[in-house]
Amino acid sequence: MDIKAYISSGVIEMYALGMASGEEARELEALCMQYPEIRMALLEAQESIELFAEANATAPPAAGKDRILKALQEEGLIADQAGALDTNTQEHPEIVDIAEHKKRKTNPATFVAATAIILLLLGAIYHVYTVKKLKTEILLMATQQRSLTAELTQYRGQADTLKQRIAVVGKLGVRKLDLQGVAGHEELTAALYWDGATKEVYLLPNKLKILPKGKQYQLWAIVNGKPVSAGVFNQASLEAMQQMKTIQKAEMFAITIEKEGGVETPTLDQMVVAGKI
């Protein structure tokens, strides 16, 4: 198992956020028991998420306090401080009926309990919102990491292909032959490299079209007027230089379209490119 690839896949972060599927969770838990590196990566991910949440926590808005106080005042649990009676500035204080006053009298225990419940609910709602927001941000970062990893893998593959081409083309004694499109296929081309010392043949079919399923390109060497198969090549990687069968001598090379797996003799009316030595 490629442990590094699994750790960078993003599954661990999804599990730590509680967003992994049941199958992914079971697989990760089993791998944690088997591989200490994966178990350590999970612990680090959980710790990173906790630290990220703490560092990005935001205090509830100040306006929340005013809304809570207003709600308590409307319920009659506390007095409206702005409208409270100031006996120092009014000559005729309002006379309040004793029975009515008893109805509106605030019980300190009730006030404390109501305030605590409201604050608890407000805090819970805000916490859920904050956690959801942080999970979304972390999921986005995990997705970006997977995308960057895929791009890096692609670039490494392209670099390896380029190194292979340079190694072949720059080798002493290697001869290049341009295979041009025949009648009806003028837009197609391919490049063939033949090592005069080792007789190795390399083909770069980057100007050929993708064939339908069941069909495959086959390279032929014309030796003493007779076609000799130099092998079929993988059209799934037409950008890559591919090594074909070793050919000791030839007067020309050609490519035909054949059934998948190749044939013993070429189908001449299916020739697409050719070139003389």
C-alpha atoms as a PDB file:
ATOM      1  CA  MET A   1       0.000   0.000   0.000  1.00  0.00           C
ATOM      2  CA  ASP A   2       1.204   3.522  -0.844  1.00  0.00           C
ATOM      3  CA  ILE A   3       0.894   5.096   2.618  1.00  0.00           C
ATOM      4  CA  LYS A   4       2.031   8.557   1.485  1.00  0.00           C
ATOM      5  CA  ALA A   5      -0.566   8.648  -1.300  1.00  0.00           C
ATOM      6  CA  TYR A   6      -3.321   7.572   1.116  1.00  0.00           C
ATOM      7  CA  ILE A   7      -2.353  10.234   3.668  1.00  0.00           C
ATOM      8  CA  SER A   8      -2.424  12.959   0.989  1.00  0.00           C
ATOM      9  CA  SER A   9      -5.764  11.758  -0.456  1.00  0.00           C
ATOM     10  CA  GLY A  10      -7.853  13.895   1.940  1.00  0.00           C
ATOM     11  CA  VAL A  11      -9.726  10.950   3.522  1.00  0.00           C
ATOM     12  CA  ILE A  12      -8.081  11.572   6.893  1.00  0.00           C
ATOM     13  CA  GLU A  13      -9.209  15.229   6.947  1.00  0.00           C
ATOM     14  CA  MET A  14     -12.762  14.203   5.976  1.00  0.00           C
ATOM     15  CA  TYR A  15     -12.815  11.673   8.831  1.00  0.00           C
ATOM     16  CA  ALA A  16     -11.526  14.235  11.325  1.00  0.00           C
ATOM     17  CA  LEU A  17     -14.314  16.607  10.243  1.00  0.00           C
ATOM     18  CA  GLY A  18     -16.948  13.882  10.600  1.00  0.00           C
ATOM     19  CA  MET A  19     -17.704  14.020   6.848  1.00  0.00           C
ATOM     20  CA  ALA A  20     -16.264  10.673   5.700  1.00  0.00           C
ATOM     21  CA  SER A  21     -18.590   7.956   4.406  1.00  0.00           C
ATOM     22  CA  GLY A  22     -19.156   4.809   6.458  1.00  0.00           C
ATOM     23  CA  GLU A  23     -16.939   2.756   4.179  1.00  0.00           C
ATOM     24  CA  GLU A  24     -14.144   5.353   4.284  1.00  0.00           C
ATOM     25  CA  ALA A  25     -14.375   5.560   8.089  1.00  0.00           C
ATOM     26  CA  ARG A  26     -14.178   1.779   8.536  1.00  0.00           C
ATOM     27  CA  GLU A  27     -11.243   1.527   6.155  1.00  0.00           C
ATOM     28  CA  LEU A  28      -9.353   4.338   7.903  1.00  0.00           C
ATOM     29  CA  GLU A  29      -9.939   2.853  11.368  1.00  0.00           C
ATOM     30  CA  ALA A  30      -8.634  -0.506  10.167  1.00  0.00           C
ATOM     31  CA  LEU A  31      -5.575   1.095   8.560  1.00  0.00           C
ATOM     32  CA  CYS A  32      -4.848   3.039  11.773  1.00  0.00           C
ATOM     33  CA  MET A  33      -4.554  -0.285  13.591  1.00  0.00           C
ATOM     34  CA  GLN A  34      -2.182  -1.596  10.919  1.00  0.00           C
ATOM     35  CA  TYR A  35      -0.041   1.444  10.051  1.00  0.00           C
ATOM     36  CA  PRO A  36       1.328   3.769  12.790  1.00  0.00           C
ATOM     37  CA  GLU A  37       2.025   6.473  10.164  1.00  0.00           C
ATOM     38  CA  ILE A  38      -1.669   6.713   9.254  1.00  0.00           C
ATOM     39  CA  ARG A  39      -2.710   6.732  12.933  1.00  0.00           C
ATOM     40  CA  MET A  40      -0.242   9.569  13.616  1.00  0.00           C
ATOM     41  CA  ALA A  41      -1.509  11.499  10.566  1.00  0.00           C
ATOM     42  CA  LEU A  42      -5.079  11.224  11.895  1.00  0.00           C
ATOM     43  CA  LEU A  43      -4.074  12.511  15.332  1.00  0.00           C
ATOM     44  CA  GLU A  44      -2.234  15.425  13.740  1.00  0.00           C
ATOM     45  CA  ALA A  45      -5.236  16.237  11.532  1.00  0.00           C
ATOM     46  CA  GLN A  46      -7.600  16.239  14.538  1.00  0.00           C
ATOM     47  CA  GLU A  47      -5.234  18.466  16.500  1.00  0.00           C
ATOM     48  CA  SER A  48      -4.809  20.841  13.534  1.00  0.00           C
ATOM     49  CA  ILE A  49      -8.576  21.183  13.140  1.00  0.00           C
ATOM     50  CA  GLU A  50      -8.996  21.973  16.846  1.00  0.00           C
ATOM     51  CA  LEU A  51      -6.222  24.582  16.738  1.00  0.00           C
ATOM     52  CA  PHE A  52      -7.679  26.049  13.534  1.00  0.00           C
ATOM     53  CA  ALA A  53     -11.129  26.322  15.137  1.00  0.00           C
ATOM     54  CA  GLU A  54      -9.732  27.985  18.264  1.00  0.00           C
ATOM     55  CA  ALA A  55      -7.598  30.435  16.273  1.00  0.00           C
ATOM     56  CA  ASN A  56     -10.507  31.424  14.046  1.00  0.00           C
ATOM     57  CA  ALA A  57     -13.237  31.534  16.692  1.00  0.00           C
ATOM     58  CA  THR A  58     -15.194  34.798  16.657  1.00  0.00           C
ATOM     59  CA  ALA A  59     -16.953  36.367  19.611  1.00  0.00           C
ATOM     60  CA  PRO A  60     -20.769  36.682  19.312  1.00  0.00           C
ATOM     61  CA  PRO A  61     -21.882  40.059  17.909  1.00  0.00           C
ATOM     62  CA  ALA A  62     -22.382  42.823  20.474  1.00  0.00           C
ATOM     63  CA  ALA A  63     -25.903  43.412  19.167  1.00  0.00           C
ATOM     64  CA  GLY A  64     -26.871  40.002  20.528  1.00  0.00           C
ATOM     65  CA  LYS A  65     -26.778  41.313  24.098  1.00  0.00           C
ATOM     66  CA  ASP A  66     -29.198  44.136  23.267  1.00  0.00           C
ATOM     67  CA  ARG A  67     -31.630  41.716  21.594  1.00  0.00           C
ATOM     68  CA  ILE A  68     -31.591  39.424  24.639  1.00  0.00           C
ATOM     69  CA  LEU A  69     -32.210  42.309  27.049  1.00  0.00           C
ATOM     70  CA  LYS A  70     -35.042  43.597  24.877  1.00  0.00           C
ATOM     71  CA  ALA A  71     -36.674  40.166  24.808  1.00  0.00           C
ATOM     72  CA  LEU A  72     -36.449  39.894  28.589  1.00  0.00           C
ATOM     73  CA  GLN A  73     -37.981  43.358  28.989  1.00  0.00           C
ATOM     74  CA  GLU A  74     -40.868  42.497  26.673  1.00  0.00           C
ATOM     75  CA  GLU A  75     -41.586  39.390  28.749  1.00  0.00           C
ATOM     76  CA  GLY A  76     -41.586  41.479  31.905  1.00  0.00           C
ATOM     77  CA  LEU A  77     -38.637  39.627  33.401  1.00  0.00           C
ATOM     78  CA  ILE A  78     -36.624  42.834  33.915  1.00  0.00           C
ATOM     79  CA  ALA A  79     -37.478  46.522  33.998  1.00  0.00           C
ATOM     80  CA  ASP A  80     -36.868  48.880  31.105  1.00  0.00           C
ATOM     81  CA  GLN A  81     -33.908  50.867  32.359  1.00  0.00           C
ATOM     82  CA  ALA A  82     -34.483  53.688  29.894  1.00  0.00           C
ATOM     83  CA  GLY A  83     -38.043  54.153  31.089  1.00  0.00           C
ATOM     84  CA  ALA A  84     -37.366  53.670  34.815  1.00  0.00           C
ATOM     85  CA  LEU A  85     -38.769  56.317  37.166  1.00  0.00           C
ATOM     86  CA  ASP A  86     -36.336  58.985  38.283  1.00  0.00           C
ATOM     87  CA  THR A  87     -37.769  60.493  41.507  1.00  0.00           C
ATOM     88  CA  ASN A  88     -35.162  63.252  41.502  1.00  0.00           C
ATOM     89  CA  THR A  89     -36.450  64.833  38.272  1.00  0.00           C
ATOM     90  CA  GLN A  90     -40.234  64.175  38.341  1.00  0.00           C
ATOM     91  CA  GLU A  91     -42.563  66.078  40.713  1.00  0.00           C
ATOM     92  CA  HIS A  92     -45.452  63.630  40.497  1.00  0.00           C
ATOM     93  CA  PRO A  93     -44.277  60.046  40.498  1.00  0.00           C
ATOM     94  CA  GLU A  94     -46.673  57.537  39.024  1.00  0.00           C
ATOM     95  CA  ILE A  95     -48.772  55.659  41.594  1.00  0.00           C
ATOM     96  CA  VAL A  96     -48.702  51.938  40.844  1.00  0.00           C
ATOM     97  CA  ASP A  97     -51.329  49.553  42.132  1.00  0.00           C
ATOM     98  CA  ILE A  98     -49.825  47.167  44.687  1.00  0.00           C
ATOM     99  CA  ALA A  99     -51.457  44.093  43.148  1.00  0.00           C
ATOM    100  CA  GLU A 100     -50.182  45.066  39.687  1.00  0.00           C
ATOM    101  CA  HIS A 101     -46.724  45.682  41.119  1.00  0.00           C
ATOM    102  CA  LYS A 102     -46.702  42.197  42.644  1.00  0.00           C
ATOM    103  CA  LYS A 103     -47.595  40.684  39.263  1.00  0.00           C
ATOM    104  CA  ARG A 104     -44.695  42.494  37.579  1.00  0.00           C
ATOM    105  CA  LYS A 105     -42.197  41.905  40.369  1.00  0.00           C
ATOM    106  CA  THR A 106     -39.202  40.043  39.024  1.00  0.00           C
ATOM    107  CA  ASN A 107     -38.055  36.847  40.654  1.00  0.00           C
ATOM    108  CA  PRO A 108     -34.198  36.943  40.653  1.00  0.00           C
ATOM    109  CA  ALA A 109     -33.931  33.163  40.218  1.00  0.00           C
ATOM    110  CA  THR A 110     -36.301  33.225  37.229  1.00  0.00           C
ATOM    111  CA  PHE A 111     -34.313  36.052  35.635  1.00  0.00           C
ATOM    112  CA  VAL A 112     -30.999  34.269  36.044  1.00  0.00           C
ATOM    113  CA  ALA A 113     -32.388  30.987  34.674  1.00  0.00           C
ATOM    114  CA  ALA A 114     -34.039  32.642  31.670  1.00  0.00           C
ATOM    115  CA  THR A 115     -30.922  34.625  30.850  1.00  0.00           C
ATOM    116  CA  ALA A 116     -28.722  31.549  31.119  1.00  0.00           C
ATOM    117  CA  ILE A 117     -31.006  29.520  28.828  1.00  0.00           C
ATOM    118  CA  ILE A 118     -31.145  32.251  26.199  1.00  0.00           C
ATOM    119  CA  LEU A 119     -27.379  32.759  26.279  1.00  0.00           C
ATOM    120  CA  LEU A 120     -26.836  29.003  26.093  1.00  0.00           C
ATOM    121  CA  LEU A 121     -29.116  28.675  23.056  1.00  0.00           C
ATOM    122  CA  LEU A 122     -27.511  31.665  21.361  1.00  0.00           C
ATOM    123  CA  GLY A 123     -24.040  30.275  22.017  1.00  0.00           C
ATOM    124  CA  ALA A 124     -25.025  26.831  20.740  1.00  0.00           C
ATOM    125  CA  ILE A 125     -26.458  28.251  17.511  1.00  0.00           C
ATOM    126  CA  TYR A 126     -23.390  30.398  16.958  1.00  0.00           C
ATOM    127  CA  HIS A 127     -21.087  27.459  17.702  1.00  0.00           C
ATOM    128  CA  VAL A 128     -22.868  25.245  15.150  1.00  0.00           C
ATOM    129  CA  TYR A 129     -22.629  28.008  12.545  1.00  0.00           C
ATOM    130  CA  THR A 130     -18.911  28.541  13.235  1.00  0.00           C
ATOM    131  CA  VAL A 131     -18.080  24.819  13.135  1.00  0.00           C
ATOM    132  CA  LYS A 132     -20.000  24.369   9.883  1.00  0.00           C
ATOM    133  CA  LYS A 133     -18.154  27.305   8.342  1.00  0.00           C
ATOM    134  CA  LEU A 134     -14.774  25.966   9.455  1.00  0.00           C
ATOM    135  CA  LYS A 135     -15.588  22.484   8.130  1.00  0.00           C
ATOM    136  CA  THR A 136     -16.456  23.973   4.755  1.00  0.00           C
ATOM    137  CA  GLU A 137     -13.176  25.903   4.653  1.00  0.00           C
ATOM    138  CA  ILE A 138     -11.125  22.837   5.635  1.00  0.00           C
ATOM    139  CA  LEU A 139     -12.946  20.677   3.065  1.00  0.00           C
ATOM    140  CA  LEU A 140     -12.136  23.285   0.415  1.00  0.00           C
ATOM    141  CA  MET A 141      -8.465  23.216   1.396  1.00  0.00           C
ATOM    142  CA  ALA A 142      -8.439  19.403   1.248  1.00  0.00           C
ATOM    143  CA  THR A 143      -9.991  19.509  -2.228  1.00  0.00           C
ATOM    144  CA  GLN A 144      -7.393  22.041  -3.367  1.00  0.00           C
ATOM    145  CA  GLN A 145      -4.628  19.830  -1.953  1.00  0.00           C
ATOM    146  CA  ARG A 146      -5.893  16.812  -3.915  1.00  0.00           C
ATOM    147  CA  SER A 147      -6.078  18.932  -7.069  1.00  0.00           C
ATOM    148  CA  LEU A 148      -2.506  20.166  -6.590  1.00  0.00           C
ATOM    149  CA  THR A 149      -1.311  16.603  -5.944  1.00  0.00           C
ATOM    150  CA  ALA A 150      -2.946  15.437  -9.197  1.00  0.00           C
ATOM    151  CA  GLU A 151      -1.364  18.316 -11.122  1.00  0.00           C
ATOM    152  CA  LEU A 152       2.039  17.539  -9.616  1.00  0.00           C
ATOM    153  CA  THR A 153       1.699  13.888 -10.652  1.00  0.00           C
ATOM    154  CA  GLN A 154       0.817  14.990 -14.184  1.00  0.00           C
ATOM    155  CA  TYR A 155       3.803  17.345 -14.372  1.00  0.00           C
ATOM    156  CA  ARG A 156       6.123  14.617 -13.117  1.00  0.00           C
ATOM    157  CA  GLY A 157       4.818  12.283 -15.819  1.00  0.00           C
ATOM    158  CA  GLN A 158       5.413  14.924 -18.481  1.00  0.00           C
ATOM    159  CA  ALA A 159       8.908  15.539 -17.135  1.00  0.00           C
ATOM    160  CA  ASP A 160       9.704  11.810 -17.271  1.00  0.00           C
ATOM    161  CA  THR A 161       8.429  11.658 -20.869  1.00  0.00           C
ATOM    162  CA  LEU A 162      10.580  14.636 -21.837  1.00  0.00           C
ATOM    163  CA  LYS A 163      13.637  13.079 -20.205  1.00  0.00           C
ATOM    164  CA  GLN A 164      13.050   9.892 -22.196  1.00  0.00           C
ATOM    165  CA  ARG A 165      12.819  11.823 -25.453  1.00  0.00           C
ATOM    166  CA  ILE A 166      16.007  13.755 -24.706  1.00  0.00           C
ATOM    167  CA  ALA A 167      17.835  10.536 -23.828  1.00  0.00           C
ATOM    168  CA  VAL A 168      16.863   8.954 -27.164  1.00  0.00           C
ATOM    169  CA  VAL A 169      17.220  11.994 -29.428  1.00  0.00           C
ATOM    170  CA  GLY A 170      20.509  13.095 -27.905  1.00  0.00           C
ATOM    171  CA  LYS A 171      22.118   9.696 -28.269  1.00  0.00           C
ATOM    172  CA  LEU A 172      24.926   9.431 -30.848  1.00  0.00           C
ATOM    173  CA  GLY A 173      24.068   7.378 -33.901  1.00  0.00           C
ATOM    174  CA  VAL A 174      20.296   7.837 -33.595  1.00  0.00           C
ATOM    175  CA  ARG A 175      18.645   8.696 -36.889  1.00  0.00           C
ATOM    176  CA  LYS A 176      15.289  10.473 -37.144  1.00  0.00           C
ATOM    177  CA  LEU A 177      12.770   9.560 -39.844  1.00  0.00           C
ATOM    178  CA  ASP A 178       9.611  11.636 -40.401  1.00  0.00           C
ATOM    179  CA  LEU A 179       6.664   9.449 -41.400  1.00  0.00           C
ATOM    180  CA  GLN A 180       4.287  11.543 -43.547  1.00  0.00           C
ATOM    181  CA  GLY A 181       0.590  10.968 -44.143  1.00  0.00           C
ATOM    182  CA  VAL A 182      -0.353   9.050 -47.291  1.00  0.00           C
ATOM    183  CA  ALA A 183      -3.254   9.961 -49.607  1.00  0.00           C
ATOM    184  CA  GLY A 184      -6.387  10.548 -47.558  1.00  0.00           C
ATOM    185  CA  HIS A 185      -4.379  10.994 -44.363  1.00  0.00           C
ATOM    186  CA  GLU A 186      -2.259  14.025 -45.254  1.00  0.00           C
ATOM    187  CA  GLU A 187      -2.799  15.639 -41.846  1.00  0.00           C
ATOM    188  CA  LEU A 188      -1.180  12.734 -39.950  1.00  0.00           C
ATOM    189  CA  THR A 189       2.508  12.435 -39.096  1.00  0.00           C
ATOM    190  CA  ALA A 190       4.752  10.466 -36.761  1.00  0.00           C
ATOM    191  CA  ALA A 191       8.446  10.580 -35.844  1.00  0.00           C
ATOM    192  CA  LEU A 192      10.617   7.458 -35.809  1.00  0.00           C
ATOM    193  CA  TYR A 193      14.073   7.225 -34.196  1.00  0.00           C
ATOM    194  CA  TRP A 194      16.392   4.368 -35.204  1.00  0.00           C
ATOM    195  CA  ASP A 195      19.578   3.642 -33.278  1.00  0.00           C
ATOM    196  CA  GLY A 196      22.245   2.658 -35.829  1.00  0.00           C
ATOM    197  CA  ALA A 197      24.343   0.884 -33.186  1.00  0.00           C
ATOM    198  CA  THR A 198      21.771  -1.081 -31.175  1.00  0.00           C
ATOM    199  CA  LYS A 199      19.123  -1.160 -33.939  1.00  0.00           C
ATOM    200  CA  GLU A 200      16.520  -0.112 -31.382  1.00  0.00           C
ATOM    201  CA  VAL A 201      13.443   1.642 -32.790  1.00  0.00           C
ATOM    202  CA  TYR A 202      11.521   4.383 -30.977  1.00  0.00           C
ATOM    203  CA  LEU A 203       8.250   5.889 -32.191  1.00  0.00           C
ATOM    204  CA  LEU A 204       6.641   9.203 -31.297  1.00  0.00           C
ATOM    205  CA  PRO A 205       3.068   8.999 -32.689  1.00  0.00           C
ATOM    206  CA  ASN A 206       1.916  12.386 -31.370  1.00  0.00           C
ATOM    207  CA  LYS A 207       0.253  13.457 -34.646  1.00  0.00           C
ATOM    208  CA  LEU A 208      -1.954  10.393 -35.059  1.00  0.00           C
ATOM    209  CA  LYS A 209      -5.649  10.231 -34.193  1.00  0.00           C
ATOM    210  CA  ILE A 210      -7.238   8.175 -31.416  1.00  0.00           C
ATOM    211  CA  LEU A 211      -8.723   5.003 -32.906  1.00  0.00           C
ATOM    212  CA  PRO A 212     -12.083   3.445 -32.001  1.00  0.00           C
ATOM    213  CA  LYS A 213     -12.218   0.481 -29.638  1.00  0.00           C
ATOM    214  CA  GLY A 214     -10.967  -2.733 -31.222  1.00  0.00           C
ATOM    215  CA  LYS A 215      -8.494  -0.971 -33.529  1.00  0.00           C
ATOM    216  CA  GLN A 216      -4.756  -0.358 -33.057  1.00  0.00           C
ATOM    217  CA  TYR A 217      -1.829   1.165 -34.947  1.00  0.00           C
ATOM    218  CA  GLN A 218       0.908  -1.230 -36.098  1.00  0.00           C
ATOM    219  CA  LEU A 219       4.412  -0.284 -37.251  1.00  0.00           C
ATOM    220  CA  TRP A 220       6.002  -2.072 -40.195  1.00  0.00           C
ATOM    221  CA  ALA A 221       9.590  -2.167 -41.513  1.00  0.00           C
ATOM    222  CA  ILE A 222      10.042  -2.938 -45.201  1.00  0.00           C
ATOM    223  CA  VAL A 223      13.023  -5.311 -45.407  1.00  0.00           C
ATOM    224  CA  ASN A 224      14.118  -6.530 -48.870  1.00  0.00           C
ATOM    225  CA  GLY A 225      10.701  -5.523 -50.198  1.00  0.00           C
ATOM    226  CA  LYS A 226       8.779  -7.490 -47.557  1.00  0.00           C
ATOM    227  CA  PRO A 227       6.906  -6.077 -44.521  1.00  0.00           C
ATOM    228  CA  VAL A 228       8.172  -7.054 -41.070  1.00  0.00           C
ATOM    229  CA  SER A 229       6.115  -6.184 -38.008  1.00  0.00           C
ATOM    230  CA  ALA A 230       7.821  -3.817 -35.582  1.00  0.00           C
ATOM    231  CA  GLY A 231       4.948  -4.151 -33.114  1.00  0.00           C
ATOM    232  CA  VAL A 232       1.760  -2.341 -32.092  1.00  0.00           C
ATOM    233  CA  PHE A 233       1.789   0.681 -29.806  1.00  0.00           C
ATOM    234  CA  ASN A 234      -0.398   2.045 -27.043  1.00  0.00           C
ATOM    235  CA  GLN A 235      -2.637   4.760 -28.404  1.00  0.00           C
ATOM    236  CA  ALA A 236      -3.673   5.747 -24.872  1.00  0.00           C
ATOM    237  CA  SER A 237      -0.335   7.563 -24.565  1.00  0.00           C
ATOM    238  CA  LEU A 238       0.287   9.010 -28.005  1.00  0.00           C
ATOM    239  CA  GLU A 239       2.274  11.852 -26.455  1.00  0.00           C
ATOM    240  CA  ALA A 240       4.879   9.438 -25.083  1.00  0.00           C
ATOM    241  CA  MET A 241       7.811   8.023 -27.009  1.00  0.00           C
ATOM    242  CA  GLN A 242       7.411   4.249 -27.247  1.00  0.00           C
ATOM    243  CA  GLN A 243      10.056   1.641 -27.898  1.00  0.00           C
ATOM    244  CA  MET A 244       9.175  -0.796 -30.661  1.00  0.00           C
ATOM    245  CA  LYS A 245      10.758  -4.067 -31.812  1.00  0.00           C
ATOM    246  CA  THR A 246      14.421  -4.042 -32.812  1.00  0.00           C
ATOM    247  CA  ILE A 247      14.945  -3.832 -36.576  1.00  0.00           C
ATOM    248  CA  GLN A 248      18.353  -4.738 -37.996  1.00  0.00           C
ATOM    249  CA  LYS A 249      17.841  -3.151 -41.424  1.00  0.00           C
ATOM    250  CA  ALA A 250      15.043  -1.598 -43.458  1.00  0.00           C
ATOM    251  CA  GLU A 251      14.359   0.403 -46.603  1.00  0.00           C
ATOM    252  CA  MET A 252      11.305   2.186 -45.200  1.00  0.00           C
ATOM    253  CA  PHE A 253       8.803   2.231 -42.348  1.00  0.00           C
ATOM    254  CA  ALA A 254       5.009   2.515 -42.423  1.00  0.00           C
ATOM    255  CA  ILE A 255       2.061   2.469 -40.025  1.00  0.00           C
ATOM    256  CA  THR A 256      -1.284   0.785 -40.689  1.00  0.00           C
ATOM    257  CA  ILE A 257      -4.559   0.528 -38.765  1.00  0.00           C
ATOM    258  CA  GLU A 258      -5.197  -3.062 -37.734  1.00  0.00           C
ATOM    259  CA  LYS A 259      -7.383  -4.972 -35.308  1.00  0.00           C
ATOM    260  CA  GLU A 260      -6.366  -4.775 -31.676  1.00  0.00           C
ATOM    261  CA  GLY A 261      -3.335  -6.946 -30.959  1.00  0.00           C
ATOM    262  CA  GLY A 262      -1.898  -6.662 -34.476  1.00  0.00           C
ATOM    263  CA  VAL A 263      -1.756  -8.924 -37.527  1.00  0.00           C
ATOM    264  CA  GLU A 264       0.900 -10.947 -39.369  1.00  0.00           C
ATOM    265  CA  THR A 265       0.564  -9.122 -42.689  1.00  0.00           C
ATOM    266  CA  PRO A 266      -0.335  -5.454 -43.152  1.00  0.00           C
ATOM    267  CA  THR A 267      -3.669  -4.219 -44.496  1.00  0.00           C
ATOM    268  CA  LEU A 268      -2.323  -1.973 -47.265  1.00  0.00           C
ATOM    269  CA  ASP A 269      -5.491   0.044 -47.780  1.00  0.00           C
ATOM    270  CA  GLN A 270      -5.306   0.968 -44.061  1.00  0.00           C
ATOM    271  CA  MET A 271      -1.845   2.562 -44.296  1.00  0.00           C
ATOM    272  CA  VAL A 272      -1.818   6.057 -42.768  1.00  0.00           C
ATOM    273  CA  VAL A 273       1.847   7.216 -42.740  1.00  0.00           C
ATOM    274  CA  ALA A 274       5.100   6.070 -44.341  1.00  0.00           C
ATOM    275  CA  GLY A 275       8.692   7.193 -44.876  1.00  0.00           C
ATOM    276  CA  LYS A 276      11.740   5.923 -46.774  1.00  0.00           C
ATOM    277  CA  ILE A 277      15.172   5.631 -45.189  1.00  0.00           C
END
